[in-house]
Protein backbone atom coordinates (compact mmCIF):
# COMPACT_ATOMS: atom_id res chain seq x y z
CA MET A 1 -16.44 11.41 30.62
CA VAL A 2 -14.87 9.15 28.01
CA VAL A 3 -16.41 9.21 24.55
CA ILE A 4 -15.60 7.06 21.53
CA ARG A 5 -15.61 9.31 18.48
CA LEU A 6 -13.97 10.05 15.15
CA ALA A 7 -10.72 12.02 14.89
CA ARG A 8 -10.17 13.41 11.40
CA GLY A 9 -6.96 13.00 9.47
CA GLY A 10 -5.99 12.90 5.83
CA ALA A 11 -5.76 15.69 3.33
CA LYS A 12 -8.20 18.33 2.17
CA LYS A 13 -11.20 16.66 0.48
CA HIS A 14 -9.69 13.22 1.24
CA PRO A 15 -10.76 12.43 4.80
CA PHE A 16 -9.50 9.56 6.90
CA TYR A 17 -10.85 9.02 10.40
CA SER A 18 -9.36 7.30 13.43
CA ILE A 19 -11.88 5.94 15.90
CA VAL A 20 -10.58 6.88 19.33
CA ALA A 21 -11.51 6.76 22.98
CA ALA A 22 -10.98 10.27 24.32
CA ASP A 23 -11.94 12.56 27.17
CA SER A 24 -15.00 14.51 26.05
CA ARG A 25 -13.33 17.80 27.06
CA ASN A 26 -10.49 17.39 24.55
CA ARG A 27 -10.67 18.70 21.01
CA ARG A 28 -11.85 16.48 18.15
CA ASP A 29 -8.36 15.91 16.77
CA GLY A 30 -6.59 16.44 20.09
CA ARG A 31 -5.28 14.08 22.71
CA PHE A 32 -6.90 10.67 23.02
CA ILE A 33 -6.59 7.66 25.30
CA GLU A 34 -6.64 4.80 22.81
CA ARG A 35 -7.16 4.21 19.09
CA VAL A 36 -9.76 1.48 18.60
CA GLY A 37 -10.13 1.50 14.81
CA TYR A 38 -10.29 3.53 11.64
CA TYR A 39 -12.79 4.57 8.98
CA ASN A 40 -11.88 5.42 5.39
CA PRO A 41 -15.02 6.68 3.59
CA LEU A 42 -13.18 6.99 0.26
CA ALA A 43 -11.70 3.47 0.23
CA ALA A 44 -11.35 2.08 -3.28
CA GLY A 45 -10.40 -1.30 -4.63
CA ALA A 46 -8.87 -3.69 -2.12
CA GLU A 47 -8.63 -1.08 0.65
CA THR A 48 -10.57 -1.82 3.84
CA PRO A 49 -13.03 1.01 4.55
CA LEU A 50 -13.69 0.12 8.19
CA SER A 51 -11.68 -1.62 10.88
CA LEU A 52 -12.83 -1.85 14.50
CA ASN A 53 -11.45 -3.53 17.59
CA LEU A 54 -14.84 -4.56 19.01
CA GLU A 55 -13.29 -6.07 22.14
CA ARG A 56 -11.82 -2.71 23.15
CA ILE A 57 -15.00 -0.83 22.24
CA THR A 58 -16.99 -3.21 24.45
CA TYR A 59 -14.44 -2.74 27.24
CA TRP A 60 -14.79 1.04 27.09
CA GLU A 61 -18.59 0.84 26.99
CA GLN A 62 -18.60 -1.38 30.09
CA ASN A 63 -16.47 1.22 31.86
CA GLY A 64 -18.88 4.08 31.12
CA ALA A 65 -17.77 5.41 27.74
CA ARG A 66 -20.40 6.68 25.35
CA LEU A 67 -20.37 6.25 21.59
CA SER A 68 -20.90 9.20 19.29
CA PRO A 69 -23.87 8.83 16.91
CA THR A 70 -21.59 8.21 13.93
CA VAL A 71 -19.52 5.59 15.74
CA THR A 72 -22.74 3.88 16.85
CA ARG A 73 -23.80 3.66 13.20
CA LEU A 74 -20.41 2.29 12.16
CA VAL A 75 -20.41 -0.37 14.92
CA LYS A 76 -23.87 -1.53 13.85
CA GLN A 77 -22.74 -1.58 10.20
CA SER A 78 -19.67 -3.64 11.13
CA ALA A 79 -21.70 -6.10 13.21
CA LYS A 80 -24.18 -6.53 10.34
CA ALA A 81 -21.35 -7.17 7.87
CA THR A 82 -19.74 -9.80 10.08
CA ARG A 83 -23.11 -11.54 10.60
CA GLN A 84 -23.70 -11.73 6.85
CA ALA A 85 -20.18 -13.03 6.21
CA ALA A 86 -20.57 -15.84 8.73
């Protein structure tokens, strides 16, 4: 099964996450199918903390992929931010 989840990167105590579509049997930071965004929880200043390709996330969901709980929260947060900006 394909799952859309976070893959951790960055340095110790300075996390940076890629949001990836991956086979659920692969390791968290292992092989993935496609990168669909990123999340930087420690973004400061003009840095963008969250970037998602919602078209690709929707595509994967329509083809049976499941979102992890954290990615679900981030997608809702992103949708809410875009609604308020419009």
